[in-house]
Amino acid sequence: MPFVFGDEAANAGDMVVVQCAVLKGDLPMQVSWAFNGKSLTSGGGVDISHSNKRISSLTIDAVNAHHVGEYTCLAKNKAAKVNHTAVLNVNGNRQKLGLSDPFTYFCCC
């Protein structure tokens, strides 16, 4: 089930893809995503897909400051609930804003 966004912050505009795989547990099983503790669905440049009953992918087409935060994969069946959370940080580009030096948006969660 664990997933990571990497050791370094993503660059603004980059695509980010993470996969949540639930290797154990009885079916039927529901796999879902949350962002900063709130249920997350596809939309706004974010796509959630399910390749099978145990694997779900989260894709962000072009990360930006508003994507910074905690992403949680949640899996549940009749017997249990489990989750894993990872933080996405994003490097910004002040040149796009008319400033001179790069910076990083960090999650303050």
N, C-alpha and C. Protein backbone atom coordinates (compact mmCIF):
# COMPACT_ATOMS: atom_id res chain seq x y z
N MET A 1 0.80 -1.20 0.00
CA MET A 1 0.00 0.00 0.00
C MET A 1 0.85 1.27 0.00
N PRO A 2 2.02 1.31 0.62
CA PRO A 2 2.78 2.56 0.66
C PRO A 2 3.11 3.11 -0.73
N PHE A 3 3.07 4.42 -0.84
CA PHE A 3 3.47 5.13 -2.04
C PHE A 3 4.22 6.37 -1.60
N VAL A 4 5.05 6.91 -2.47
CA VAL A 4 5.81 8.12 -2.17
C VAL A 4 5.81 9.02 -3.40
N PHE A 5 5.98 10.30 -3.16
CA PHE A 5 6.09 11.26 -4.25
C PHE A 5 7.55 11.50 -4.62
N GLY A 6 8.46 10.88 -3.91
CA GLY A 6 9.89 11.03 -4.19
C GLY A 6 10.58 11.77 -3.06
N ASP A 7 11.89 11.74 -3.09
CA ASP A 7 12.69 12.38 -2.06
C ASP A 7 12.75 13.89 -2.20
N GLU A 8 12.52 14.39 -3.40
CA GLU A 8 12.59 15.82 -3.65
C GLU A 8 11.23 16.34 -4.10
N ALA A 9 11.05 17.63 -3.93
CA ALA A 9 9.80 18.27 -4.36
C ALA A 9 9.65 18.16 -5.87
N ALA A 10 8.41 18.05 -6.32
CA ALA A 10 8.13 18.08 -7.76
C ALA A 10 8.29 19.50 -8.26
N ASN A 11 8.57 19.66 -9.53
CA ASN A 11 8.65 20.99 -10.12
C ASN A 11 7.28 21.41 -10.63
N ALA A 12 6.96 22.68 -10.44
CA ALA A 12 5.68 23.20 -10.92
C ALA A 12 5.54 22.89 -12.40
N GLY A 13 4.38 22.37 -12.78
CA GLY A 13 4.10 22.01 -14.16
C GLY A 13 4.38 20.56 -14.49
N ASP A 14 5.13 19.85 -13.63
CA ASP A 14 5.43 18.44 -13.88
C ASP A 14 4.19 17.58 -13.64
N MET A 15 4.17 16.43 -14.31
CA MET A 15 3.14 15.42 -14.04
C MET A 15 3.61 14.57 -12.86
N VAL A 16 2.68 14.22 -11.99
CA VAL A 16 2.97 13.34 -10.85
C VAL A 16 2.00 12.17 -10.90
N VAL A 17 2.53 10.96 -10.75
CA VAL A 17 1.70 9.76 -10.72
C VAL A 17 2.14 8.89 -9.55
N VAL A 18 1.19 8.50 -8.72
CA VAL A 18 1.47 7.54 -7.65
C VAL A 18 0.44 6.43 -7.72
N GLN A 19 0.83 5.27 -7.24
CA GLN A 19 -0.04 4.11 -7.29
C GLN A 19 -0.18 3.51 -5.90
N CYS A 20 -1.40 3.18 -5.55
CA CYS A 20 -1.69 2.53 -4.28
C CYS A 20 -2.13 1.10 -4.58
N ALA A 21 -1.37 0.14 -4.08
CA ALA A 21 -1.68 -1.27 -4.30
C ALA A 21 -1.93 -1.95 -2.96
N VAL A 22 -3.07 -2.56 -2.82
CA VAL A 22 -3.43 -3.28 -1.60
C VAL A 22 -3.18 -4.75 -1.86
N LEU A 23 -2.12 -5.29 -1.27
CA LEU A 23 -1.69 -6.64 -1.59
C LEU A 23 -2.42 -7.73 -0.81
N LYS A 24 -2.95 -7.38 0.35
CA LYS A 24 -3.63 -8.36 1.18
C LYS A 24 -5.02 -7.87 1.54
N GLY A 25 -5.88 -8.80 1.87
CA GLY A 25 -7.23 -8.46 2.29
C GLY A 25 -8.27 -9.11 1.41
N ASP A 26 -9.40 -9.39 2.03
CA ASP A 26 -10.50 -10.05 1.32
C ASP A 26 -11.28 -9.06 0.46
N LEU A 27 -11.73 -9.56 -0.67
CA LEU A 27 -12.62 -8.79 -1.53
C LEU A 27 -14.05 -9.06 -1.08
N PRO A 28 -14.98 -8.16 -1.31
CA PRO A 28 -14.83 -6.89 -2.01
C PRO A 28 -14.09 -5.87 -1.14
N MET A 29 -13.40 -4.98 -1.84
CA MET A 29 -12.58 -3.96 -1.19
C MET A 29 -12.80 -2.64 -1.92
N GLN A 30 -12.79 -1.56 -1.16
CA GLN A 30 -12.92 -0.23 -1.74
C GLN A 30 -11.62 0.53 -1.51
N VAL A 31 -11.04 1.07 -2.58
CA VAL A 31 -9.82 1.87 -2.49
C VAL A 31 -10.17 3.29 -2.91
N SER A 32 -9.84 4.26 -2.07
CA SER A 32 -10.17 5.66 -2.37
C SER A 32 -9.01 6.56 -1.94
N TRP A 33 -9.14 7.85 -2.28
CA TRP A 33 -8.09 8.83 -1.99
C TRP A 33 -8.65 10.01 -1.22
N ALA A 34 -7.78 10.63 -0.42
CA ALA A 34 -8.13 11.86 0.29
C ALA A 34 -6.99 12.85 0.12
N PHE A 35 -7.33 14.14 0.15
CA PHE A 35 -6.35 15.22 0.08
C PHE A 35 -6.55 16.11 1.29
N ASN A 36 -5.53 16.21 2.13
CA ASN A 36 -5.61 16.98 3.38
C ASN A 36 -6.84 16.61 4.20
N GLY A 37 -7.12 15.31 4.25
CA GLY A 37 -8.19 14.79 5.08
C GLY A 37 -9.57 14.82 4.47
N LYS A 38 -9.70 15.32 3.25
CA LYS A 38 -11.01 15.40 2.59
C LYS A 38 -11.02 14.47 1.39
N SER A 39 -12.17 13.82 1.16
CA SER A 39 -12.32 12.90 0.05
C SER A 39 -11.90 13.57 -1.26
N LEU A 40 -11.19 12.82 -2.10
CA LEU A 40 -10.67 13.35 -3.35
C LEU A 40 -11.25 12.55 -4.51
N THR A 41 -11.74 13.27 -5.52
CA THR A 41 -12.25 12.65 -6.73
C THR A 41 -11.55 13.26 -7.93
N SER A 42 -11.75 12.69 -9.09
CA SER A 42 -11.15 13.22 -10.32
C SER A 42 -11.73 14.59 -10.64
N GLY A 43 -10.87 15.45 -11.18
CA GLY A 43 -11.29 16.78 -11.60
C GLY A 43 -10.21 17.79 -11.29
N GLY A 44 -10.22 18.90 -12.00
CA GLY A 44 -9.25 19.96 -11.74
C GLY A 44 -7.82 19.56 -11.99
N GLY A 45 -7.59 18.73 -13.02
CA GLY A 45 -6.23 18.28 -13.33
C GLY A 45 -5.80 17.06 -12.56
N VAL A 46 -6.68 16.54 -11.71
CA VAL A 46 -6.39 15.33 -10.93
C VAL A 46 -7.24 14.19 -11.49
N ASP A 47 -6.60 13.06 -11.74
CA ASP A 47 -7.33 11.89 -12.24
C ASP A 47 -7.08 10.71 -11.32
N ILE A 48 -8.15 10.07 -10.91
CA ILE A 48 -8.06 8.85 -10.10
C ILE A 48 -8.60 7.71 -10.94
N SER A 49 -7.79 6.67 -11.06
CA SER A 49 -8.22 5.52 -11.85
C SER A 49 -7.97 4.24 -11.06
N HIS A 50 -8.70 3.21 -11.44
CA HIS A 50 -8.57 1.90 -10.80
C HIS A 50 -8.24 0.88 -11.88
N SER A 51 -7.05 0.28 -11.79
CA SER A 51 -6.67 -0.70 -12.79
C SER A 51 -7.23 -2.09 -12.47
N ASN A 52 -7.54 -2.32 -11.22
CA ASN A 52 -8.26 -3.53 -10.81
C ASN A 52 -8.83 -3.28 -9.41
N LYS A 53 -9.32 -4.31 -8.76
CA LYS A 53 -9.99 -4.16 -7.46
C LYS A 53 -9.04 -3.80 -6.33
N ARG A 54 -7.73 -3.95 -6.55
CA ARG A 54 -6.75 -3.70 -5.49
C ARG A 54 -5.77 -2.57 -5.79
N ILE A 55 -5.83 -2.00 -6.99
CA ILE A 55 -4.85 -0.98 -7.39
C ILE A 55 -5.56 0.28 -7.87
N SER A 56 -5.14 1.41 -7.30
CA SER A 56 -5.66 2.70 -7.72
C SER A 56 -4.50 3.65 -7.98
N SER A 57 -4.62 4.46 -9.02
CA SER A 57 -3.59 5.43 -9.37
C SER A 57 -4.13 6.84 -9.24
N LEU A 58 -3.25 7.74 -8.80
CA LEU A 58 -3.56 9.16 -8.69
C LEU A 58 -2.59 9.89 -9.63
N THR A 59 -3.14 10.64 -10.58
CA THR A 59 -2.33 11.38 -11.54
C THR A 59 -2.69 12.86 -11.45
N ILE A 60 -1.67 13.69 -11.35
CA ILE A 60 -1.85 15.13 -11.42
C ILE A 60 -1.13 15.59 -12.67
N ASP A 61 -1.88 16.13 -13.63
CA ASP A 61 -1.32 16.48 -14.93
C ASP A 61 -0.21 17.52 -14.85
N ALA A 62 -0.41 18.56 -14.07
CA ALA A 62 0.59 19.63 -13.94
C ALA A 62 0.52 20.18 -12.52
N VAL A 63 1.43 19.73 -11.65
CA VAL A 63 1.37 20.13 -10.25
C VAL A 63 1.64 21.63 -10.10
N ASN A 64 1.02 22.20 -9.08
CA ASN A 64 1.19 23.60 -8.75
C ASN A 64 1.01 23.76 -7.25
N ALA A 65 1.08 24.98 -6.78
CA ALA A 65 1.03 25.24 -5.34
C ALA A 65 -0.24 24.67 -4.69
N HIS A 66 -1.36 24.71 -5.37
CA HIS A 66 -2.60 24.23 -4.73
C HIS A 66 -2.65 22.71 -4.61
N HIS A 67 -1.69 22.00 -5.20
CA HIS A 67 -1.62 20.54 -5.05
C HIS A 67 -0.77 20.12 -3.85
N VAL A 68 -0.08 21.06 -3.22
CA VAL A 68 0.78 20.76 -2.08
C VAL A 68 -0.08 20.29 -0.90
N GLY A 69 0.32 19.19 -0.29
CA GLY A 69 -0.40 18.70 0.89
C GLY A 69 -0.25 17.22 1.09
N GLU A 70 -1.11 16.69 1.93
CA GLU A 70 -1.09 15.27 2.29
C GLU A 70 -2.10 14.50 1.45
N TYR A 71 -1.61 13.46 0.79
CA TYR A 71 -2.47 12.57 -0.01
C TYR A 71 -2.53 11.24 0.71
N THR A 72 -3.73 10.72 0.87
CA THR A 72 -3.94 9.48 1.60
C THR A 72 -4.68 8.48 0.72
N CYS A 73 -4.16 7.28 0.67
CA CYS A 73 -4.85 6.16 0.03
C CYS A 73 -5.54 5.39 1.15
N LEU A 74 -6.83 5.15 0.98
CA LEU A 74 -7.61 4.43 1.98
C LEU A 74 -8.16 3.15 1.37
N ALA A 75 -8.03 2.05 2.08
CA ALA A 75 -8.59 0.78 1.62
C ALA A 75 -9.44 0.21 2.75
N LYS A 76 -10.62 -0.27 2.38
CA LYS A 76 -11.48 -0.86 3.40
C LYS A 76 -12.27 -2.02 2.81
N ASN A 77 -12.52 -2.98 3.70
CA ASN A 77 -13.43 -4.08 3.41
C ASN A 77 -14.24 -4.33 4.66
N LYS A 78 -14.98 -5.39 4.71
CA LYS A 78 -15.84 -5.65 5.87
C LYS A 78 -15.04 -5.86 7.16
N ALA A 79 -13.80 -6.31 7.03
CA ALA A 79 -13.00 -6.66 8.20
C ALA A 79 -12.16 -5.51 8.74
N ALA A 80 -11.71 -4.60 7.88
CA ALA A 80 -10.75 -3.59 8.35
C ALA A 80 -10.68 -2.38 7.42
N LYS A 81 -10.02 -1.34 7.95
CA LYS A 81 -9.69 -0.14 7.19
C LYS A 81 -8.20 0.11 7.39
N VAL A 82 -7.50 0.43 6.31
CA VAL A 82 -6.09 0.80 6.40
C VAL A 82 -5.86 2.01 5.51
N ASN A 83 -4.80 2.77 5.82
CA ASN A 83 -4.49 3.92 4.98
C ASN A 83 -2.99 4.20 5.02
N HIS A 84 -2.56 4.96 4.04
CA HIS A 84 -1.18 5.41 3.97
C HIS A 84 -1.20 6.84 3.44
N THR A 85 -0.39 7.70 4.05
CA THR A 85 -0.34 9.11 3.67
C THR A 85 1.08 9.50 3.27
N ALA A 86 1.17 10.31 2.22
CA ALA A 86 2.45 10.87 1.79
C ALA A 86 2.24 12.35 1.47
N VAL A 87 3.31 13.12 1.61
CA VAL A 87 3.24 14.57 1.40
C VAL A 87 3.82 14.92 0.04
N LEU A 88 3.10 15.76 -0.70
CA LEU A 88 3.60 16.29 -1.97
C LEU A 88 4.03 17.73 -1.76
N ASN A 89 5.29 18.02 -2.06
CA ASN A 89 5.82 19.38 -2.06
C ASN A 89 6.13 19.76 -3.50
N VAL A 90 6.05 21.05 -3.82
CA VAL A 90 6.22 21.51 -5.19
C VAL A 90 7.18 22.69 -5.24
N ASN A 91 8.18 22.59 -6.13
CA ASN A 91 9.07 23.71 -6.41
C ASN A 91 8.33 24.68 -7.33
N GLY A 92 8.39 25.96 -6.99
CA GLY A 92 7.78 26.97 -7.83
C GLY A 92 8.83 27.67 -8.68
N ASN A 93 8.37 28.48 -9.59
CA ASN A 93 9.27 29.24 -10.45
C ASN A 93 8.85 30.69 -10.41
N ARG A 94 9.58 31.49 -9.66
CA ARG A 94 9.24 32.91 -9.52
C ARG A 94 9.40 33.67 -10.82
N GLN A 95 10.20 33.15 -11.75
CA GLN A 95 10.36 33.83 -13.03
C GLN A 95 9.03 33.92 -13.76
N LYS A 96 8.20 32.90 -13.61
CA LYS A 96 6.86 32.95 -14.22
C LYS A 96 6.02 34.04 -13.59
N LEU A 97 6.36 34.42 -12.36
CA LEU A 97 5.62 35.47 -11.66
C LEU A 97 6.33 36.82 -11.75
N GLY A 98 7.44 36.88 -12.53
CA GLY A 98 8.18 38.12 -12.67
C GLY A 98 9.21 38.36 -11.59
N LEU A 99 9.54 37.34 -10.80
CA LEU A 99 10.55 37.44 -9.76
C LEU A 99 11.78 36.67 -10.21
N SER A 100 12.87 36.75 -9.45
CA SER A 100 14.13 36.21 -9.97
C SER A 100 14.55 34.84 -9.46
N ASP A 101 14.18 34.44 -8.26
CA ASP A 101 14.73 33.19 -7.73
C ASP A 101 13.66 32.12 -7.55
N PRO A 102 14.05 30.84 -7.67
CA PRO A 102 13.09 29.75 -7.47
C PRO A 102 12.77 29.57 -5.99
N PHE A 103 11.68 28.91 -5.70
CA PHE A 103 11.28 28.65 -4.31
C PHE A 103 10.52 27.34 -4.27
N THR A 104 10.25 26.86 -3.07
CA THR A 104 9.52 25.61 -2.89
C THR A 104 8.31 25.84 -2.01
N TYR A 105 7.17 25.33 -2.46
CA TYR A 105 5.97 25.31 -1.63
C TYR A 105 6.04 24.06 -0.77
N PHE A 106 5.96 24.21 0.53
CA PHE A 106 5.99 23.05 1.41
C PHE A 106 4.65 22.90 2.09
N CYS A 107 4.28 21.66 2.29
CA CYS A 107 3.06 21.38 3.02
C CYS A 107 3.24 21.77 4.49
N CYS A 108 2.29 22.46 5.01
CA CYS A 108 2.36 22.88 6.42
C CYS A 108 1.42 22.02 7.26
N CYS A 109 1.05 20.86 6.80
CA CYS A 109 0.09 19.99 7.49
C CYS A 109 0.73 19.30 8.67
